[in-house]
């Protein structure tokens, strides 16, 4: 049986570890692009290793970025890049980060890539 002193030291240690993991998990941001994501109350706990960001430039043009890279790639290369990055994954999943002003047809075009290749897809949102 543990003494009160040993038990309080154990709870202090657990508390410090909890704070450490909370702080470090908020620092990990897979999306380096500044996007204004739509709000949602439902959040998914699944983790995707690859992300596709769709940036709206407010002039009728959209750019596609893989894993938050600031260098845009043409839409025609998005599928090849995803296939290349996800080919070794056991359960291939990628997330879509789209500005809230991006038309649905642009998002659906990326979702169709997931359907053609039997990938799971997560649409990223920000909590309400």
C-alpha atoms as a PDB file:
ATOM      1  CA  UNK A   1       0.000   0.000   0.000  1.00  0.00           C
ATOM      2  CA  UNK A   2       1.343   3.415  -0.973  1.00  0.00           C
ATOM      3  CA  UNK A   3       1.753   6.132   1.615  1.00  0.00           C
ATOM      4  CA  UNK A   4       0.023   9.500   1.233  1.00  0.00           C
ATOM      5  CA  UNK A   5       3.311  11.172   0.255  1.00  0.00           C
ATOM      6  CA  UNK A   6       4.016   8.633  -2.494  1.00  0.00           C
ATOM      7  CA  UNK A   7       0.450   8.897  -3.742  1.00  0.00           C
ATOM      8  CA  UNK A   8       0.541  12.709  -3.931  1.00  0.00           C
ATOM      9  CA  UNK A   9       3.833  12.529  -5.841  1.00  0.00           C
ATOM     10  CA  UNK A  10       2.211  10.116  -8.274  1.00  0.00           C
ATOM     11  CA  UNK A  11      -0.766  12.420  -8.851  1.00  0.00           C
ATOM     12  CA  UNK A  12       1.593  15.379  -9.361  1.00  0.00           C
ATOM     13  CA  UNK A  13       3.484  13.394 -11.973  1.00  0.00           C
ATOM     14  CA  UNK A  14       0.302  12.370 -13.786  1.00  0.00           C
ATOM     15  CA  UNK A  15      -0.939  15.967 -13.723  1.00  0.00           C
ATOM     16  CA  UNK A  16       2.334  17.270 -15.181  1.00  0.00           C
ATOM     17  CA  UNK A  17       2.274  14.643 -17.922  1.00  0.00           C
ATOM     18  CA  UNK A  18      -1.307  15.573 -18.760  1.00  0.00           C
ATOM     19  CA  UNK A  19      -0.385  19.248 -19.071  1.00  0.00           C
ATOM     20  CA  UNK A  20       2.645  18.364 -21.212  1.00  0.00           C
ATOM     21  CA  UNK A  21       0.587  16.293 -23.669  1.00  0.00           C
ATOM     22  CA  UNK A  22      -2.152  18.906 -23.876  1.00  0.00           C
ATOM     23  CA  UNK A  23       0.331  21.647 -24.713  1.00  0.00           C
ATOM     24  CA  UNK A  24       2.288  19.606 -27.254  1.00  0.00           C
ATOM     25  CA  UNK A  25      -0.840  18.351 -29.009  1.00  0.00           C
ATOM     26  CA  UNK A  26      -2.045  21.912 -29.602  1.00  0.00           C
ATOM     27  CA  UNK A  27       1.297  22.832 -31.171  1.00  0.00           C
ATOM     28  CA  UNK A  28       0.975  20.155 -33.865  1.00  0.00           C
ATOM     29  CA  UNK A  29      -0.775  21.790 -36.810  1.00  0.00           C
ATOM     30  CA  UNK A  30      -0.824  19.755 -40.035  1.00  0.00           C
ATOM     31  CA  UNK A  31      -2.202  22.726 -41.925  1.00  0.00           C
ATOM     32  CA  UNK A  32       0.388  25.475 -42.369  1.00  0.00           C
ATOM     33  CA  UNK A  33      -1.821  27.447 -44.761  1.00  0.00           C
ATOM     34  CA  UNK A  34      -4.115  30.043 -43.276  1.00  0.00           C
ATOM     35  CA  UNK A  35      -7.594  28.737 -44.040  1.00  0.00           C
ATOM     36  CA  UNK A  36     -10.937  29.798 -42.666  1.00  0.00           C
ATOM     37  CA  UNK A  37     -12.567  26.407 -42.051  1.00  0.00           C
ATOM     38  CA  UNK A  38     -16.325  25.946 -41.745  1.00  0.00           C
ATOM     39  CA  UNK A  39     -17.672  25.398 -38.227  1.00  0.00           C
ATOM     40  CA  UNK A  40     -19.093  22.079 -37.034  1.00  0.00           C
ATOM     41  CA  UNK A  41     -20.283  20.538 -33.779  1.00  0.00           C
ATOM     42  CA  UNK A  42     -19.287  16.975 -34.725  1.00  0.00           C
ATOM     43  CA  UNK A  43     -15.599  16.142 -34.571  1.00  0.00           C
ATOM     44  CA  UNK A  44     -14.011  12.903 -35.821  1.00  0.00           C
ATOM     45  CA  UNK A  45     -11.344  11.222 -33.757  1.00  0.00           C
ATOM     46  CA  UNK A  46      -9.766   9.478 -36.768  1.00  0.00           C
ATOM     47  CA  UNK A  47      -6.342  10.699 -37.786  1.00  0.00           C
ATOM     48  CA  UNK A  48      -5.289  11.184 -41.383  1.00  0.00           C
ATOM     49  CA  UNK A  49      -1.616  11.183 -42.304  1.00  0.00           C
ATOM     50  CA  UNK A  50      -2.074  13.187 -45.520  1.00  0.00           C
ATOM     51  CA  UNK A  51      -3.989  16.408 -46.061  1.00  0.00           C
ATOM     52  CA  UNK A  52      -5.244  18.252 -49.122  1.00  0.00           C
ATOM     53  CA  UNK A  53      -5.861  21.974 -48.643  1.00  0.00           C
ATOM     54  CA  UNK A  54      -8.007  24.008 -51.013  1.00  0.00           C
ATOM     55  CA  UNK A  55      -7.306  27.729 -50.816  1.00  0.00           C
ATOM     56  CA  UNK A  56      -9.757  30.295 -52.175  1.00  0.00           C
ATOM     57  CA  UNK A  57      -7.968  33.366 -53.536  1.00  0.00           C
ATOM     58  CA  UNK A  58     -11.265  35.335 -53.791  1.00  0.00           C
ATOM     59  CA  UNK A  59     -10.759  35.946 -57.489  1.00  0.00           C
ATOM     60  CA  UNK A  60     -12.397  32.783 -58.805  1.00  0.00           C
ATOM     61  CA  UNK A  61      -9.221  30.707 -58.541  1.00  0.00           C
ATOM     62  CA  UNK A  62      -8.395  27.928 -56.111  1.00  0.00           C
ATOM     63  CA  UNK A  63      -5.072  26.320 -55.280  1.00  0.00           C
ATOM     64  CA  UNK A  64      -4.412  22.797 -54.033  1.00  0.00           C
ATOM     65  CA  UNK A  65      -1.737  22.023 -51.460  1.00  0.00           C
ATOM     66  CA  UNK A  66      -0.598  18.648 -50.145  1.00  0.00           C
ATOM     67  CA  UNK A  67       0.263  18.392 -46.436  1.00  0.00           C
ATOM     68  CA  UNK A  68       0.086  22.144 -45.933  1.00  0.00           C
ATOM     69  CA  UNK A  69       2.900  22.841 -48.395  1.00  0.00           C
ATOM     70  CA  UNK A  70       2.795  26.471 -49.498  1.00  0.00           C
ATOM     71  CA  UNK A  71       3.686  25.441 -53.051  1.00  0.00           C
ATOM     72  CA  UNK A  72       0.465  24.777 -54.939  1.00  0.00           C
ATOM     73  CA  UNK A  73       0.067  21.883 -57.355  1.00  0.00           C
ATOM     74  CA  UNK A  74      -2.391  21.691 -60.262  1.00  0.00           C
ATOM     75  CA  UNK A  75      -5.588  19.753 -59.588  1.00  0.00           C
ATOM     76  CA  UNK A  76      -4.549  17.202 -62.214  1.00  0.00           C
ATOM     77  CA  UNK A  77      -1.582  16.194 -60.056  1.00  0.00           C
ATOM     78  CA  UNK A  78      -3.476  15.862 -56.768  1.00  0.00           C
ATOM     79  CA  UNK A  79      -4.605  12.284 -57.402  1.00  0.00           C
ATOM     80  CA  UNK A  80      -1.130  11.067 -58.425  1.00  0.00           C
ATOM     81  CA  UNK A  81       0.389  12.698 -55.348  1.00  0.00           C
ATOM     82  CA  UNK A  82      -2.216  11.120 -53.044  1.00  0.00           C
ATOM     83  CA  UNK A  83      -1.729   7.677 -54.589  1.00  0.00           C
ATOM     84  CA  UNK A  84       2.027   8.048 -54.132  1.00  0.00           C
ATOM     85  CA  UNK A  85       1.720   9.100 -50.473  1.00  0.00           C
ATOM     86  CA  UNK A  86      -0.986   6.600 -49.472  1.00  0.00           C
ATOM     87  CA  UNK A  87       0.112   3.484 -51.347  1.00  0.00           C
ATOM     88  CA  UNK A  88       1.854   1.975 -48.305  1.00  0.00           C
ATOM     89  CA  UNK A  89      -0.920   2.822 -45.824  1.00  0.00           C
ATOM     90  CA  UNK A  90      -2.928  -0.059 -44.396  1.00  0.00           C
ATOM     91  CA  UNK A  91      -6.073   2.063 -44.052  1.00  0.00           C
ATOM     92  CA  UNK A  92      -5.492   4.979 -46.448  1.00  0.00           C
ATOM     93  CA  UNK A  93      -7.187   8.117 -45.162  1.00  0.00           C
ATOM     94  CA  UNK A  94      -6.671  11.759 -46.037  1.00  0.00           C
ATOM     95  CA  UNK A  95      -8.259  14.955 -44.825  1.00  0.00           C
ATOM     96  CA  UNK A  96      -9.567  17.891 -46.821  1.00  0.00           C
ATOM     97  CA  UNK A  97      -8.983  21.379 -45.469  1.00  0.00           C
ATOM     98  CA  UNK A  98     -11.053  23.790 -47.549  1.00  0.00           C
ATOM     99  CA  UNK A  99     -11.734  27.479 -47.046  1.00  0.00           C
ATOM    100  CA  UNK A 100     -15.389  27.923 -46.136  1.00  0.00           C
ATOM    101  CA  UNK A 101     -15.836  30.006 -49.296  1.00  0.00           C
ATOM    102  CA  UNK A 102     -14.647  27.192 -51.610  1.00  0.00           C
ATOM    103  CA  UNK A 103     -17.561  25.909 -53.734  1.00  0.00           C
ATOM    104  CA  UNK A 104     -18.825  22.434 -52.944  1.00  0.00           C
ATOM    105  CA  UNK A 105     -17.940  21.218 -56.455  1.00  0.00           C
ATOM    106  CA  UNK A 106     -14.242  21.804 -55.725  1.00  0.00           C
ATOM    107  CA  UNK A 107     -14.459  19.762 -52.511  1.00  0.00           C
ATOM    108  CA  UNK A 108     -16.484  17.019 -54.220  1.00  0.00           C
ATOM    109  CA  UNK A 109     -13.839  16.766 -56.963  1.00  0.00           C
ATOM    110  CA  UNK A 110     -11.268  15.879 -54.287  1.00  0.00           C
ATOM    111  CA  UNK A 111     -13.744  13.501 -52.623  1.00  0.00           C
ATOM    112  CA  UNK A 112     -14.154  11.718 -55.960  1.00  0.00           C
ATOM    113  CA  UNK A 113     -10.419  10.991 -55.900  1.00  0.00           C
ATOM    114  CA  UNK A 114     -10.975   9.193 -52.591  1.00  0.00           C
ATOM    115  CA  UNK A 115     -13.880   7.220 -54.041  1.00  0.00           C
ATOM    116  CA  UNK A 116     -11.959   6.141 -57.152  1.00  0.00           C
ATOM    117  CA  UNK A 117      -9.041   4.898 -55.053  1.00  0.00           C
ATOM    118  CA  UNK A 118     -11.082   3.463 -52.145  1.00  0.00           C
ATOM    119  CA  UNK A 119      -9.644   5.937 -49.639  1.00  0.00           C
ATOM    120  CA  UNK A 120     -11.383   7.250 -46.570  1.00  0.00           C
ATOM    121  CA  UNK A 121     -11.727  11.002 -46.425  1.00  0.00           C
ATOM    122  CA  UNK A 122     -12.221  13.435 -43.548  1.00  0.00           C
ATOM    123  CA  UNK A 123     -13.540  16.935 -44.112  1.00  0.00           C
ATOM    124  CA  UNK A 124     -11.785  19.211 -41.635  1.00  0.00           C
ATOM    125  CA  UNK A 125     -13.819  21.795 -39.730  1.00  0.00           C
ATOM    126  CA  UNK A 126     -13.270  24.030 -36.756  1.00  0.00           C
ATOM    127  CA  UNK A 127     -15.310  23.569 -33.570  1.00  0.00           C
ATOM    128  CA  UNK A 128     -18.258  25.884 -32.995  1.00  0.00           C
END
